[in-house]
Amino acid sequence: MSDNVTTDRSGFDAVIAAADYPVFVVTTRADGRQAGCLVGFTSQVSIEPPRFLVGISKTNFTFGVAMAAEHLAVHLLGREQSSLAALFGAETGDDINKFAHCKWHPGPADVPILSAAAGWFTGRILERHDLGDHVGMLIEPEAASPPPAHTDALRYDAVARLKPGHTA
């Protein structure tokens, strides 16, 4: 066993921070409302059939809309798109219409697609799983717009200092 083993959460937090995962913006639409938020808990969870898991905080405005939705759009941001990440991560749909502050268009299943995103995919929500302070939404990808070759994704370290619109 390593000499620097910790018994508190700080060790786990340090490992995750060092991984510096990409962050995404998720958008959705249901019951005449649209919503979107910056998410850091995501992962492809199956190759065949393709599946993607998105964790959405239960305190987030987007959570309520996503719970009623049938589809989500997952947007990859390039590292130069920190202002878009700030809009969807540091603001809340409880206070502002985020879509009034960026360019977007209706995409497949009428889900909002952010025009400035480096790439995106939409998918049908197959399952929802309570994961603690987040709900995991399992998505079956249906349509996509790939990013340009050699896109550098915006990563957690670039947005770690944002004050979230809602606490997790």
N, C-alpha and C. Protein backbone atom coordinates (compact mmCIF):
# COMPACT_ATOMS: atom_id res chain seq x y z
N MET A 1 0.84 -1.18 0.00
CA MET A 1 0.00 0.00 0.00
C MET A 1 0.88 1.24 0.00
N SER A 2 0.45 2.25 -0.70
CA SER A 2 1.21 3.49 -0.82
C SER A 2 1.30 4.22 0.51
N ASP A 3 2.41 4.94 0.72
CA ASP A 3 2.60 5.70 1.95
C ASP A 3 1.70 6.94 2.01
N ASN A 4 1.16 7.40 0.90
CA ASN A 4 0.37 8.63 0.90
C ASN A 4 -1.13 8.35 0.78
N VAL A 5 -1.59 7.21 1.31
CA VAL A 5 -3.00 6.88 1.30
C VAL A 5 -3.75 7.81 2.25
N THR A 6 -4.89 8.32 1.79
CA THR A 6 -5.70 9.19 2.64
C THR A 6 -6.97 8.45 3.04
N THR A 7 -7.54 8.82 4.17
CA THR A 7 -8.77 8.19 4.64
C THR A 7 -9.97 9.11 4.45
N ASP A 8 -9.74 10.31 3.95
CA ASP A 8 -10.86 11.20 3.70
C ASP A 8 -11.09 11.33 2.19
N ARG A 9 -12.02 12.18 1.82
CA ARG A 9 -12.38 12.35 0.42
C ARG A 9 -11.34 13.08 -0.40
N SER A 10 -10.39 13.73 0.23
CA SER A 10 -9.44 14.55 -0.52
C SER A 10 -8.65 13.74 -1.54
N GLY A 11 -8.32 12.50 -1.22
CA GLY A 11 -7.59 11.66 -2.17
C GLY A 11 -8.42 11.36 -3.40
N PHE A 12 -9.67 10.99 -3.19
CA PHE A 12 -10.58 10.73 -4.32
C PHE A 12 -10.73 11.99 -5.16
N ASP A 13 -10.99 13.13 -4.51
CA ASP A 13 -11.16 14.39 -5.22
C ASP A 13 -9.92 14.73 -6.05
N ALA A 14 -8.74 14.46 -5.50
CA ALA A 14 -7.49 14.75 -6.22
C ALA A 14 -7.34 13.87 -7.47
N VAL A 15 -7.71 12.61 -7.35
CA VAL A 15 -7.63 11.70 -8.51
C VAL A 15 -8.56 12.18 -9.61
N ILE A 16 -9.80 12.52 -9.25
CA ILE A 16 -10.77 12.96 -10.24
C ILE A 16 -10.33 14.28 -10.88
N ALA A 17 -9.84 15.22 -10.07
CA ALA A 17 -9.37 16.51 -10.62
C ALA A 17 -8.21 16.29 -11.59
N ALA A 18 -7.32 15.38 -11.27
CA ALA A 18 -6.18 15.12 -12.14
C ALA A 18 -6.61 14.51 -13.48
N ALA A 19 -7.73 13.80 -13.49
CA ALA A 19 -8.22 13.20 -14.74
C ALA A 19 -8.66 14.28 -15.73
N ASP A 20 -9.12 15.42 -15.21
CA ASP A 20 -9.50 16.58 -16.03
C ASP A 20 -10.39 16.19 -17.20
N TYR A 21 -11.54 15.61 -16.85
CA TYR A 21 -12.52 15.17 -17.84
C TYR A 21 -13.05 16.32 -18.69
N PRO A 22 -13.51 16.02 -19.90
CA PRO A 22 -14.21 17.05 -20.68
C PRO A 22 -15.55 17.36 -20.02
N VAL A 23 -16.02 18.58 -20.22
CA VAL A 23 -17.35 18.97 -19.76
C VAL A 23 -18.23 19.15 -20.99
N PHE A 24 -19.52 19.00 -20.79
CA PHE A 24 -20.48 19.10 -21.87
C PHE A 24 -21.61 20.03 -21.46
N VAL A 25 -22.35 20.55 -22.42
CA VAL A 25 -23.60 21.23 -22.15
C VAL A 25 -24.70 20.32 -22.64
N VAL A 26 -25.67 20.06 -21.78
CA VAL A 26 -26.82 19.24 -22.13
C VAL A 26 -28.02 20.17 -22.27
N THR A 27 -28.79 20.00 -23.33
CA THR A 27 -30.02 20.76 -23.52
C THR A 27 -31.17 19.79 -23.72
N THR A 28 -32.37 20.28 -23.43
CA THR A 28 -33.56 19.45 -23.60
C THR A 28 -34.79 20.33 -23.72
N ARG A 29 -35.91 19.68 -24.03
CA ARG A 29 -37.18 20.39 -24.18
C ARG A 29 -38.30 19.43 -23.76
N ALA A 30 -39.26 19.97 -23.00
CA ALA A 30 -40.45 19.20 -22.62
C ALA A 30 -41.53 20.15 -22.13
N ASP A 31 -42.75 19.81 -22.42
CA ASP A 31 -43.91 20.57 -21.93
C ASP A 31 -43.80 22.06 -22.22
N GLY A 32 -43.30 22.41 -23.41
CA GLY A 32 -43.20 23.80 -23.81
C GLY A 32 -42.06 24.57 -23.16
N ARG A 33 -41.21 23.89 -22.39
CA ARG A 33 -40.05 24.53 -21.76
C ARG A 33 -38.77 23.94 -22.34
N GLN A 34 -37.73 24.76 -22.41
CA GLN A 34 -36.42 24.25 -22.79
C GLN A 34 -35.44 24.62 -21.70
N ALA A 35 -34.40 23.82 -21.58
CA ALA A 35 -33.43 24.02 -20.51
C ALA A 35 -32.09 23.47 -20.95
N GLY A 36 -31.06 23.91 -20.27
CA GLY A 36 -29.72 23.41 -20.54
C GLY A 36 -28.80 23.71 -19.39
N CYS A 37 -27.78 22.87 -19.22
CA CYS A 37 -26.82 23.08 -18.14
C CYS A 37 -25.47 22.46 -18.51
N LEU A 38 -24.45 22.96 -17.85
CA LEU A 38 -23.10 22.40 -17.96
C LEU A 38 -23.05 21.15 -17.10
N VAL A 39 -22.55 20.06 -17.66
CA VAL A 39 -22.45 18.82 -16.90
C VAL A 39 -21.03 18.28 -16.93
N GLY A 40 -20.62 17.73 -15.82
CA GLY A 40 -19.30 17.13 -15.72
C GLY A 40 -19.34 15.64 -15.50
N PHE A 41 -20.51 15.10 -15.17
CA PHE A 41 -20.64 13.66 -14.92
C PHE A 41 -21.24 13.01 -16.15
N THR A 42 -20.38 12.51 -17.03
CA THR A 42 -20.81 11.88 -18.28
C THR A 42 -19.85 10.76 -18.63
N SER A 43 -20.35 9.81 -19.40
CA SER A 43 -19.47 8.75 -19.89
C SER A 43 -20.19 7.91 -20.93
N GLN A 44 -19.45 7.51 -21.95
CA GLN A 44 -19.95 6.46 -22.83
C GLN A 44 -19.93 5.19 -21.99
N VAL A 45 -21.02 4.44 -21.99
CA VAL A 45 -21.10 3.25 -21.14
C VAL A 45 -21.30 1.96 -21.92
N SER A 46 -21.43 2.04 -23.25
CA SER A 46 -21.54 0.86 -24.09
C SER A 46 -21.10 1.21 -25.50
N ILE A 47 -20.38 0.28 -26.13
CA ILE A 47 -19.95 0.47 -27.51
C ILE A 47 -21.04 -0.03 -28.46
N GLU A 48 -21.55 -1.23 -28.21
CA GLU A 48 -22.59 -1.80 -29.07
C GLU A 48 -23.64 -2.47 -28.21
N PRO A 49 -24.81 -1.96 -28.11
CA PRO A 49 -25.26 -0.74 -28.78
C PRO A 49 -24.66 0.49 -28.11
N PRO A 50 -24.52 1.59 -28.86
CA PRO A 50 -23.94 2.79 -28.25
C PRO A 50 -24.88 3.35 -27.18
N ARG A 51 -24.29 3.68 -26.03
CA ARG A 51 -25.04 4.27 -24.93
C ARG A 51 -24.15 5.30 -24.24
N PHE A 52 -24.79 6.37 -23.73
CA PHE A 52 -24.08 7.45 -23.05
C PHE A 52 -24.86 7.80 -21.80
N LEU A 53 -24.16 8.02 -20.71
CA LEU A 53 -24.79 8.34 -19.43
C LEU A 53 -24.48 9.79 -19.06
N VAL A 54 -25.52 10.55 -18.72
CA VAL A 54 -25.38 11.95 -18.30
C VAL A 54 -25.96 12.08 -16.90
N GLY A 55 -25.19 12.66 -15.97
CA GLY A 55 -25.68 12.92 -14.63
C GLY A 55 -26.13 14.37 -14.51
N ILE A 56 -27.39 14.58 -14.10
CA ILE A 56 -27.92 15.93 -13.94
C ILE A 56 -28.30 16.12 -12.48
N SER A 57 -27.82 17.21 -11.90
CA SER A 57 -28.08 17.53 -10.50
C SER A 57 -29.57 17.71 -10.26
N LYS A 58 -30.04 17.15 -9.15
CA LYS A 58 -31.45 17.26 -8.78
C LYS A 58 -31.85 18.68 -8.43
N THR A 59 -30.90 19.55 -8.10
CA THR A 59 -31.23 20.93 -7.74
C THR A 59 -31.26 21.85 -8.95
N ASN A 60 -30.85 21.35 -10.09
CA ASN A 60 -30.72 22.16 -11.29
C ASN A 60 -32.08 22.37 -11.98
N PHE A 61 -32.32 23.56 -12.52
CA PHE A 61 -33.54 23.84 -13.28
C PHE A 61 -33.71 22.82 -14.41
N THR A 62 -32.61 22.47 -15.07
CA THR A 62 -32.67 21.52 -16.19
C THR A 62 -33.20 20.16 -15.75
N PHE A 63 -32.97 19.81 -14.51
CA PHE A 63 -33.41 18.51 -13.99
C PHE A 63 -34.92 18.33 -14.18
N GLY A 64 -35.70 19.33 -13.79
CA GLY A 64 -37.15 19.22 -13.89
C GLY A 64 -37.61 19.05 -15.32
N VAL A 65 -37.01 19.77 -16.23
CA VAL A 65 -37.37 19.65 -17.64
C VAL A 65 -36.92 18.29 -18.18
N ALA A 66 -35.71 17.88 -17.83
CA ALA A 66 -35.17 16.60 -18.32
C ALA A 66 -35.97 15.41 -17.80
N MET A 67 -36.52 15.52 -16.61
CA MET A 67 -37.32 14.41 -16.08
C MET A 67 -38.60 14.20 -16.88
N ALA A 68 -39.09 15.26 -17.53
CA ALA A 68 -40.29 15.15 -18.36
C ALA A 68 -39.96 14.93 -19.83
N ALA A 69 -38.69 15.03 -20.19
CA ALA A 69 -38.27 14.97 -21.60
C ALA A 69 -38.10 13.54 -22.09
N GLU A 70 -38.13 13.40 -23.40
CA GLU A 70 -37.85 12.11 -24.04
C GLU A 70 -36.47 12.07 -24.67
N HIS A 71 -35.88 13.26 -24.93
CA HIS A 71 -34.58 13.36 -25.61
C HIS A 71 -33.69 14.38 -24.92
N LEU A 72 -32.39 14.19 -25.07
CA LEU A 72 -31.38 15.16 -24.64
C LEU A 72 -30.45 15.42 -25.81
N ALA A 73 -29.84 16.60 -25.81
CA ALA A 73 -28.73 16.90 -26.72
C ALA A 73 -27.50 17.10 -25.86
N VAL A 74 -26.40 16.50 -26.25
CA VAL A 74 -25.13 16.59 -25.53
C VAL A 74 -24.16 17.33 -26.44
N HIS A 75 -23.67 18.48 -25.96
CA HIS A 75 -22.81 19.36 -26.77
C HIS A 75 -21.37 19.32 -26.26
N LEU A 76 -20.45 19.03 -27.16
CA LEU A 76 -19.02 19.13 -26.85
C LEU A 76 -18.58 20.56 -27.11
N LEU A 77 -17.90 21.14 -26.13
CA LEU A 77 -17.38 22.50 -26.29
C LEU A 77 -15.88 22.44 -26.55
N GLY A 78 -15.41 23.33 -27.40
CA GLY A 78 -13.98 23.48 -27.59
C GLY A 78 -13.41 24.32 -26.46
N ARG A 79 -12.12 24.24 -26.24
CA ARG A 79 -11.53 24.96 -25.10
C ARG A 79 -11.68 26.47 -25.20
N GLU A 80 -11.96 26.99 -26.39
CA GLU A 80 -12.17 28.44 -26.56
C GLU A 80 -13.60 28.85 -26.23
N GLN A 81 -14.44 27.92 -25.85
CA GLN A 81 -15.85 28.22 -25.61
C GLN A 81 -16.21 28.33 -24.12
N SER A 82 -15.31 28.90 -23.35
CA SER A 82 -15.55 29.03 -21.91
C SER A 82 -16.72 29.96 -21.60
N SER A 83 -16.99 30.94 -22.46
CA SER A 83 -18.13 31.83 -22.19
C SER A 83 -19.45 31.07 -22.32
N LEU A 84 -19.54 30.14 -23.25
CA LEU A 84 -20.74 29.31 -23.37
C LEU A 84 -20.87 28.39 -22.15
N ALA A 85 -19.74 27.86 -21.70
CA ALA A 85 -19.75 27.04 -20.49
C ALA A 85 -20.20 27.87 -19.29
N ALA A 86 -19.74 29.11 -19.20
CA ALA A 86 -20.15 29.98 -18.09
C ALA A 86 -21.64 30.28 -18.14
N LEU A 87 -22.18 30.53 -19.33
CA LEU A 87 -23.61 30.80 -19.46
C LEU A 87 -24.42 29.61 -18.95
N PHE A 88 -24.06 28.40 -19.34
CA PHE A 88 -24.83 27.23 -18.97
C PHE A 88 -24.42 26.62 -17.63
N GLY A 89 -23.31 27.10 -17.06
CA GLY A 89 -22.86 26.56 -15.78
C GLY A 89 -23.02 27.50 -14.61
N ALA A 90 -22.90 28.81 -14.85
CA ALA A 90 -22.94 29.77 -13.75
C ALA A 90 -24.26 30.52 -13.67
N GLU A 91 -25.13 30.32 -14.63
CA GLU A 91 -26.46 30.93 -14.62
C GLU A 91 -27.49 29.83 -14.39
N THR A 92 -28.66 30.20 -13.94
CA THR A 92 -29.72 29.22 -13.74
C THR A 92 -30.95 29.61 -14.55
N GLY A 93 -31.59 28.60 -15.10
CA GLY A 93 -32.83 28.80 -15.83
C GLY A 93 -33.96 29.29 -14.94
N ASP A 94 -33.78 29.23 -13.63
CA ASP A 94 -34.76 29.81 -12.70
C ASP A 94 -34.79 31.33 -12.83
N ASP A 95 -33.64 31.92 -13.23
CA ASP A 95 -33.50 33.38 -13.27
C ASP A 95 -33.47 33.97 -14.68
N ILE A 96 -32.88 33.24 -15.64
CA ILE A 96 -32.74 33.79 -16.99
C ILE A 96 -33.07 32.73 -18.03
N ASN A 97 -33.41 33.20 -19.22
CA ASN A 97 -33.55 32.32 -20.38
C ASN A 97 -32.17 32.26 -21.04
N LYS A 98 -31.44 31.21 -20.78
CA LYS A 98 -30.08 31.07 -21.30
C LYS A 98 -30.06 31.13 -22.83
N PHE A 99 -31.10 30.63 -23.45
CA PHE A 99 -31.14 30.56 -24.91
C PHE A 99 -31.31 31.94 -25.56
N ALA A 100 -31.72 32.93 -24.78
CA ALA A 100 -31.81 34.31 -25.28
C ALA A 100 -30.42 34.95 -25.35
N HIS A 101 -29.41 34.28 -24.79
CA HIS A 101 -28.05 34.82 -24.73
C HIS A 101 -27.06 34.06 -25.61
N CYS A 102 -27.56 33.18 -26.47
CA CYS A 102 -26.68 32.44 -27.38
C CYS A 102 -27.46 32.06 -28.63
N LYS A 103 -26.71 31.69 -29.66
CA LYS A 103 -27.35 31.23 -30.90
C LYS A 103 -27.64 29.74 -30.78
N TRP A 104 -28.85 29.38 -31.19
CA TRP A 104 -29.26 27.98 -31.16
C TRP A 104 -30.33 27.76 -32.22
N HIS A 105 -30.61 26.51 -32.49
CA HIS A 105 -31.68 26.16 -33.42
C HIS A 105 -32.31 24.85 -32.98
N PRO A 106 -33.56 24.61 -33.38
CA PRO A 106 -34.19 23.34 -33.05
C PRO A 106 -33.50 22.21 -33.80
N GLY A 107 -33.22 21.15 -33.10
CA GLY A 107 -32.57 19.99 -33.71
C GLY A 107 -33.50 18.80 -33.77
N PRO A 108 -32.94 17.62 -33.92
CA PRO A 108 -33.76 16.41 -33.94
C PRO A 108 -34.63 16.34 -32.67
N ALA A 109 -35.84 15.87 -32.83
CA ALA A 109 -36.82 15.78 -31.74
C ALA A 109 -37.09 17.15 -31.12
N ASP A 110 -36.80 18.22 -31.87
CA ASP A 110 -37.04 19.60 -31.44
C ASP A 110 -36.21 20.02 -30.22
N VAL A 111 -35.12 19.30 -29.96
CA VAL A 111 -34.23 19.62 -28.84
C VAL A 111 -33.34 20.79 -29.26
N PRO A 112 -33.12 21.77 -28.37
CA PRO A 112 -32.26 22.92 -28.72
C PRO A 112 -30.81 22.48 -28.99
N ILE A 113 -30.27 22.95 -30.10
CA ILE A 113 -28.88 22.69 -30.47
C ILE A 113 -28.13 24.02 -30.43
N LEU A 114 -27.04 24.06 -29.68
CA LEU A 114 -26.22 25.27 -29.55
C LEU A 114 -25.35 25.41 -30.80
N SER A 115 -25.54 26.50 -31.52
CA SER A 115 -24.84 26.71 -32.79
C SER A 115 -23.33 26.76 -32.64
N ALA A 116 -22.83 27.27 -31.52
CA ALA A 116 -21.39 27.43 -31.34
C ALA A 116 -20.68 26.17 -30.85
N ALA A 117 -21.43 25.14 -30.48
CA ALA A 117 -20.80 23.91 -29.97
C ALA A 117 -19.87 23.31 -31.02
N ALA A 118 -18.78 22.74 -30.57
CA ALA A 118 -17.83 22.09 -31.49
C ALA A 118 -18.46 20.88 -32.16
N GLY A 119 -19.30 20.18 -31.43
CA GLY A 119 -19.99 19.01 -31.95
C GLY A 119 -21.12 18.66 -30.99
N TRP A 120 -22.03 17.83 -31.43
CA TRP A 120 -23.15 17.45 -30.57
C TRP A 120 -23.75 16.14 -31.03
N PHE A 121 -24.51 15.52 -30.13
CA PHE A 121 -25.37 14.40 -30.51
C PHE A 121 -26.65 14.48 -29.70
N THR A 122 -27.71 13.95 -30.26
CA THR A 122 -28.97 13.86 -29.56
C THR A 122 -29.29 12.40 -29.34
N GLY A 123 -30.09 12.16 -28.34
CA GLY A 123 -30.47 10.78 -28.08
C GLY A 123 -31.73 10.68 -27.26
N ARG A 124 -32.36 9.55 -27.42
CA ARG A 124 -33.56 9.23 -26.65
C ARG A 124 -33.14 8.76 -25.27
N ILE A 125 -33.85 9.22 -24.25
CA ILE A 125 -33.59 8.80 -22.88
C ILE A 125 -34.22 7.42 -22.69
N LEU A 126 -33.39 6.43 -22.41
CA LEU A 126 -33.86 5.07 -22.23
C LEU A 126 -34.23 4.76 -20.78
N GLU A 127 -33.40 5.26 -19.86
CA GLU A 127 -33.58 4.96 -18.44
C GLU A 127 -33.10 6.14 -17.60
N ARG A 128 -33.63 6.22 -16.40
CA ARG A 128 -33.18 7.21 -15.41
C ARG A 128 -32.82 6.44 -14.14
N HIS A 129 -31.69 6.81 -13.54
CA HIS A 129 -31.22 6.13 -12.33
C HIS A 129 -30.84 7.15 -11.27
N ASP A 130 -31.36 6.98 -10.07
CA ASP A 130 -31.00 7.84 -8.96
C ASP A 130 -29.57 7.49 -8.54
N LEU A 131 -28.68 8.47 -8.61
CA LEU A 131 -27.26 8.24 -8.30
C LEU A 131 -26.80 9.03 -7.08
N GLY A 132 -27.72 9.50 -6.26
CA GLY A 132 -27.37 10.34 -5.11
C GLY A 132 -27.90 11.74 -5.35
N ASP A 133 -27.00 12.72 -5.44
CA ASP A 133 -27.46 14.09 -5.69
C ASP A 133 -27.69 14.37 -7.18
N HIS A 134 -27.44 13.38 -8.03
CA HIS A 134 -27.68 13.46 -9.47
C HIS A 134 -28.54 12.29 -9.92
N VAL A 135 -29.22 12.48 -11.04
CA VAL A 135 -29.92 11.38 -11.70
C VAL A 135 -29.18 11.10 -12.99
N GLY A 136 -28.84 9.84 -13.19
CA GLY A 136 -28.17 9.41 -14.41
C GLY A 136 -29.20 9.11 -15.48
N MET A 137 -29.04 9.74 -16.63
CA MET A 137 -29.94 9.52 -17.76
C MET A 137 -29.18 8.78 -18.85
N LEU A 138 -29.63 7.57 -19.12
CA LEU A 138 -29.01 6.73 -20.13
C LEU A 138 -29.61 7.07 -21.49
N ILE A 139 -28.72 7.44 -22.42
CA ILE A 139 -29.15 7.94 -23.73
C ILE A 139 -28.74 6.97 -24.83
N GLU A 140 -29.64 6.78 -25.77
CA GLU A 140 -29.36 6.05 -27.00
C GLU A 140 -29.13 7.08 -28.10
N PRO A 141 -27.89 7.30 -28.53
CA PRO A 141 -27.63 8.32 -29.56
C PRO A 141 -28.40 8.03 -30.84
N GLU A 142 -28.97 9.13 -31.42
CA GLU A 142 -29.76 9.00 -32.64
C GLU A 142 -29.25 9.86 -33.78
N ALA A 143 -28.77 11.07 -33.49
CA ALA A 143 -28.28 11.98 -34.53
C ALA A 143 -27.07 12.71 -33.97
N ALA A 144 -26.16 13.14 -34.86
CA ALA A 144 -24.95 13.79 -34.38
C ALA A 144 -24.37 14.72 -35.43
N SER A 145 -23.62 15.69 -34.94
CA SER A 145 -22.81 16.57 -35.78
C SER A 145 -21.40 16.53 -35.18
N PRO A 146 -20.46 15.87 -35.87
CA PRO A 146 -19.13 15.68 -35.29
C PRO A 146 -18.33 16.98 -35.23
N PRO A 147 -17.40 17.05 -34.29
CA PRO A 147 -16.54 18.23 -34.20
C PRO A 147 -15.49 18.21 -35.30
N PRO A 148 -14.92 19.38 -35.61
CA PRO A 148 -13.81 19.40 -36.56
C PRO A 148 -12.64 18.54 -36.04
N ALA A 149 -11.86 18.04 -36.96
CA ALA A 149 -10.68 17.26 -36.57
C ALA A 149 -9.79 18.08 -35.64
N HIS A 150 -9.20 17.43 -34.69
CA HIS A 150 -8.23 18.03 -33.76
C HIS A 150 -8.86 19.06 -32.82
N THR A 151 -10.17 18.92 -32.54
CA THR A 151 -10.82 19.80 -31.57
C THR A 151 -10.27 19.50 -30.18
N ASP A 152 -9.85 20.54 -29.48
CA ASP A 152 -9.44 20.41 -28.07
C ASP A 152 -10.65 20.68 -27.21
N ALA A 153 -11.12 19.67 -26.50
CA ALA A 153 -12.33 19.81 -25.68
C ALA A 153 -12.07 20.68 -24.46
N LEU A 154 -13.10 21.43 -24.08
CA LEU A 154 -13.07 22.18 -22.83
C LEU A 154 -13.11 21.17 -21.69
N ARG A 155 -12.24 21.36 -20.72
CA ARG A 155 -12.12 20.37 -19.65
C ARG A 155 -12.43 20.99 -18.29
N TYR A 156 -12.62 20.11 -17.34
CA TYR A 156 -13.03 20.51 -16.00
C TYR A 156 -12.16 21.61 -15.41
N ASP A 157 -10.86 21.50 -15.56
CA ASP A 157 -9.95 22.48 -14.96
C ASP A 157 -10.26 23.91 -15.44
N ALA A 158 -10.74 24.05 -16.67
CA ALA A 158 -11.03 25.37 -17.23
C ALA A 158 -12.31 25.98 -16.64
N VAL A 159 -13.18 25.15 -16.05
CA VAL A 159 -14.44 25.67 -15.51
C VAL A 159 -14.57 25.45 -14.00
N ALA A 160 -13.54 24.90 -13.39
CA ALA A 160 -13.62 24.54 -11.97
C ALA A 160 -13.90 25.73 -11.07
N ARG A 161 -13.54 26.92 -11.49
CA ARG A 161 -13.73 28.10 -10.65
C ARG A 161 -15.08 28.80 -10.86
N LEU A 162 -15.89 28.28 -11.78
CA LEU A 162 -17.22 28.86 -11.98
C LEU A 162 -18.07 28.64 -10.74
N LYS A 163 -18.82 29.66 -10.36
CA LYS A 163 -19.78 29.49 -9.27
C LYS A 163 -21.07 28.99 -9.90
N PRO A 164 -21.49 27.75 -9.57
CA PRO A 164 -22.66 27.18 -10.23
C PRO A 164 -23.93 27.97 -9.94
N GLY A 165 -24.85 27.94 -10.91
CA GLY A 165 -26.15 28.56 -10.73
C GLY A 165 -26.91 27.94 -9.58
N HIS A 166 -26.70 26.64 -9.36
CA HIS A 166 -27.26 25.89 -8.22
C HIS A 166 -26.15 25.04 -7.64
N THR A 167 -26.18 24.80 -6.35
CA THR A 167 -25.24 23.85 -5.76
C THR A 167 -25.73 22.46 -6.05
N ALA A 168 -24.80 21.51 -6.07
CA ALA A 168 -25.19 20.11 -6.31
C ALA A 168 -25.90 19.62 -5.10
